[in-house]
């Protein structure tokens, strides 16, 4: 069952900045993304979205 996306705003004053890590996204980031996607869009829509977004890196081609 789908839920509505949250409407409250993030308080920028509560954000913390740290040195960059070695990888852009680890297991924690993937887990959080999947949990949020499933809770807001359902399993099927989350899987479809993740499959569209997470593609292997390829060379960019003109007009592609």
Protein backbone atom coordinates (compact mmCIF):
# COMPACT_ATOMS: atom_id res chain seq x y z
CA UNK A 1 0.00 0.00 0.00
CA UNK A 2 1.35 3.43 -0.96
CA UNK A 3 1.74 6.35 1.38
CA UNK A 4 2.06 10.00 0.54
CA UNK A 5 5.55 11.47 0.41
CA UNK A 6 6.47 13.53 3.48
CA UNK A 7 5.67 17.23 3.21
CA UNK A 8 7.66 18.60 6.13
CA UNK A 9 10.80 20.48 5.22
CA UNK A 10 14.30 19.47 6.29
CA UNK A 11 15.89 21.87 8.76
CA UNK A 12 19.15 22.91 7.09
CA UNK A 13 20.49 24.14 10.43
CA UNK A 14 20.49 20.57 11.76
CA UNK A 15 22.69 19.23 8.92
CA UNK A 16 26.23 18.09 9.67
CA UNK A 17 29.09 18.18 7.17
CA UNK A 18 31.84 15.54 7.31
CA UNK A 19 34.86 14.62 5.20
CA UNK A 20 33.94 12.60 2.11
CA UNK A 21 34.00 8.82 2.30
CA UNK A 22 35.76 6.55 -0.18
CA UNK A 23 32.52 5.51 -1.92
CA UNK A 24 29.54 7.57 -3.01
CA UNK A 25 26.95 5.13 -1.73
CA UNK A 26 27.41 2.11 0.46
CA UNK A 27 25.12 -0.53 1.85
CA UNK A 28 23.57 1.96 4.29
CA UNK A 29 22.58 4.34 1.47
CA UNK A 30 21.10 1.54 -0.61
CA UNK A 31 19.15 0.21 2.38
CA UNK A 32 17.73 3.63 3.23
CA UNK A 33 16.79 4.31 -0.41
CA UNK A 34 14.98 0.98 -0.75
CA UNK A 35 13.17 1.39 2.59
CA UNK A 36 11.97 4.87 1.66
CA UNK A 37 10.96 3.81 -1.82
CA UNK A 38 8.97 0.79 -0.64
CA UNK A 39 7.22 2.75 2.11
CA UNK A 40 6.23 5.59 -0.24
CA UNK A 41 5.73 3.91 -3.63
CA UNK A 42 5.36 0.19 -2.99
CA UNK A 43 7.60 -2.69 -4.02
CA UNK A 44 6.82 -2.82 -7.75
CA UNK A 45 7.26 0.91 -8.42
CA UNK A 46 10.43 1.02 -6.32
CA UNK A 47 11.98 -1.89 -8.23
CA UNK A 48 11.05 -0.31 -11.59
CA UNK A 49 12.57 3.01 -10.53
CA UNK A 50 15.76 1.45 -9.20
CA UNK A 51 16.23 -0.57 -12.38
CA UNK A 52 15.87 2.58 -14.51
CA UNK A 53 18.21 4.71 -12.43
CA UNK A 54 20.97 2.27 -11.50
CA UNK A 55 22.63 1.51 -14.81
CA UNK A 56 26.22 0.45 -15.37
CA UNK A 57 28.53 3.27 -16.33
CA UNK A 58 28.93 3.49 -20.10
CA UNK A 59 30.61 5.95 -22.41
CA UNK A 60 28.39 8.86 -23.28
CA UNK A 61 27.48 9.00 -26.94
CA UNK A 62 26.22 12.02 -28.83
CA UNK A 63 22.49 11.75 -29.36
CA UNK A 64 22.12 8.76 -27.04
